[in-house]
Amino acid sequence: MIKYIYNQMFYIQECGDYLEGV
């Protein structure tokens, strides 16, 4: 469960960096 939440947070961070790059 914790690993799933960690993965979600990491995905959101990556998505945010991607949007800022665009």
PDB file of N, CA and C in Angstrom:
ATOM      1  N   MET A   1       0.849  -1.198   0.000  1.00  0.00           N
ATOM      2  CA  MET A   1       0.000   0.000   0.000  1.00  0.00           C
ATOM      3  C   MET A   1       0.886   1.250   0.000  1.00  0.00           C
ATOM      4  N   ILE A   2       1.881   1.252   0.884  1.00  0.00           N
ATOM      5  CA  ILE A   2       2.767   2.422   0.964  1.00  0.00           C
ATOM      6  C   ILE A   2       3.532   2.582  -0.350  1.00  0.00           C
ATOM      7  N   LYS A   3       3.952   1.461  -0.928  1.00  0.00           N
ATOM      8  CA  LYS A   3       4.686   1.513  -2.197  1.00  0.00           C
ATOM      9  C   LYS A   3       3.804   2.102  -3.290  1.00  0.00           C
ATOM     10  N   TYR A   4       2.512   1.779  -3.272  1.00  0.00           N
ATOM     11  CA  TYR A   4       1.582   2.307  -4.270  1.00  0.00           C
ATOM     12  C   TYR A   4       1.469   3.818  -4.130  1.00  0.00           C
ATOM     13  N   ILE A   5       1.342   4.278  -2.892  1.00  0.00           N
ATOM     14  CA  ILE A   5       1.231   5.721  -2.647  1.00  0.00           C
ATOM     15  C   ILE A   5       2.516   6.422  -3.078  1.00  0.00           C
ATOM     16  N   TYR A   6       3.655   5.812  -2.778  1.00  0.00           N
ATOM     17  CA  TYR A   6       4.940   6.399  -3.157  1.00  0.00           C
ATOM     18  C   TYR A   6       5.045   6.499  -4.667  1.00  0.00           C
ATOM     19  N   ASN A   7       4.597   5.476  -5.361  1.00  0.00           N
ATOM     20  CA  ASN A   7       4.635   5.477  -6.824  1.00  0.00           C
ATOM     21  C   ASN A   7       3.724   6.567  -7.377  1.00  0.00           C
ATOM     22  N   GLN A   8       2.568   6.761  -6.771  1.00  0.00           N
ATOM     23  CA  GLN A   8       1.638   7.795  -7.216  1.00  0.00           C
ATOM     24  C   GLN A   8       2.259   9.181  -7.041  1.00  0.00           C
ATOM     25  N   MET A   9       2.910   9.412  -5.895  1.00  0.00           N
ATOM     26  CA  MET A   9       3.545  10.702  -5.636  1.00  0.00           C
ATOM     27  C   MET A   9       4.664  10.944  -6.636  1.00  0.00           C
ATOM     28  N   PHE A  10       5.438   9.904  -6.938  1.00  0.00           N
ATOM     29  CA  PHE A  10       6.537  10.023  -7.888  1.00  0.00           C
ATOM     30  C   PHE A  10       5.994  10.316  -9.283  1.00  0.00           C
ATOM     31  N   TYR A  11       4.885   9.683  -9.642  1.00  0.00           N
ATOM     32  CA  TYR A  11       4.284   9.899 -10.954  1.00  0.00           C
ATOM     33  C   TYR A  11       3.796  11.340 -11.088  1.00  0.00           C
ATOM     34  N   ILE A  12       3.169  11.840 -10.037  1.00  0.00           N
ATOM     35  CA  ILE A  12       2.669  13.216 -10.058  1.00  0.00           C
ATOM     36  C   ILE A  12       3.825  14.196 -10.195  1.00  0.00           C
ATOM     37  N   GLN A  13       4.930  13.922  -9.492  1.00  0.00           N
ATOM     38  CA  GLN A  13       6.101  14.803  -9.558  1.00  0.00           C
ATOM     39  C   GLN A  13       6.674  14.787 -10.977  1.00  0.00           C
ATOM     40  N   GLU A  14       6.774  13.607 -11.569  1.00  0.00           N
ATOM     41  CA  GLU A  14       7.294  13.476 -12.925  1.00  0.00           C
ATOM     42  C   GLU A  14       6.372  14.191 -13.904  1.00  0.00           C
ATOM     43  N   CYS A  15       5.070  14.058 -13.710  1.00  0.00           N
ATOM     44  CA  CYS A  15       4.097  14.698 -14.595  1.00  0.00           C
ATOM     45  C   CYS A  15       4.229  16.208 -14.493  1.00  0.00           C
ATOM     46  N   GLY A  16       4.442  16.717 -13.292  1.00  0.00           N
ATOM     47  CA  GLY A  16       4.583  18.151 -13.084  1.00  0.00           C
ATOM     48  C   GLY A  16       5.830  18.674 -13.777  1.00  0.00           C
ATOM     49  N   ASP A  17       6.935  17.926 -13.660  1.00  0.00           N
ATOM     50  CA  ASP A  17       8.180  18.339 -14.309  1.00  0.00           C
ATOM     51  C   ASP A  17       7.990  18.341 -15.827  1.00  0.00           C
ATOM     52  N   TYR A  18       7.226  17.373 -16.329  1.00  0.00           N
ATOM     53  CA  TYR A  18       6.994  17.274 -17.773  1.00  0.00           C
ATOM     54  C   TYR A  18       6.180  18.471 -18.260  1.00  0.00           C
ATOM     55  N   LEU A  19       5.153  18.828 -17.513  1.00  0.00           N
ATOM     56  CA  LEU A  19       4.307  19.956 -17.909  1.00  0.00           C
ATOM     57  C   LEU A  19       5.109  21.255 -17.876  1.00  0.00           C
ATOM     58  N   GLU A  20       6.003  21.400 -16.910  1.00  0.00           N
ATOM     59  CA  GLU A  20       6.821  22.612 -16.822  1.00  0.00           C
ATOM     60  C   GLU A  20       7.791  22.662 -17.994  1.00  0.00           C
ATOM     61  N   GLY A  21       8.248  21.481 -18.443  1.00  0.00           N
ATOM     62  CA  GLY A  21       9.185  21.418 -19.566  1.00  0.00           C
ATOM     63  C   GLY A  21       8.504  21.824 -20.865  1.00  0.00           C
ATOM     64  N   VAL A  22       7.198  21.557 -20.966  1.00  0.00           N
ATOM     65  CA  VAL A  22       6.451  21.889 -22.171  1.00  0.00           C
ATOM     66  C   VAL A  22       5.982  23.332 -22.098  1.00  0.00           C
TER      67      VAL A  22
END
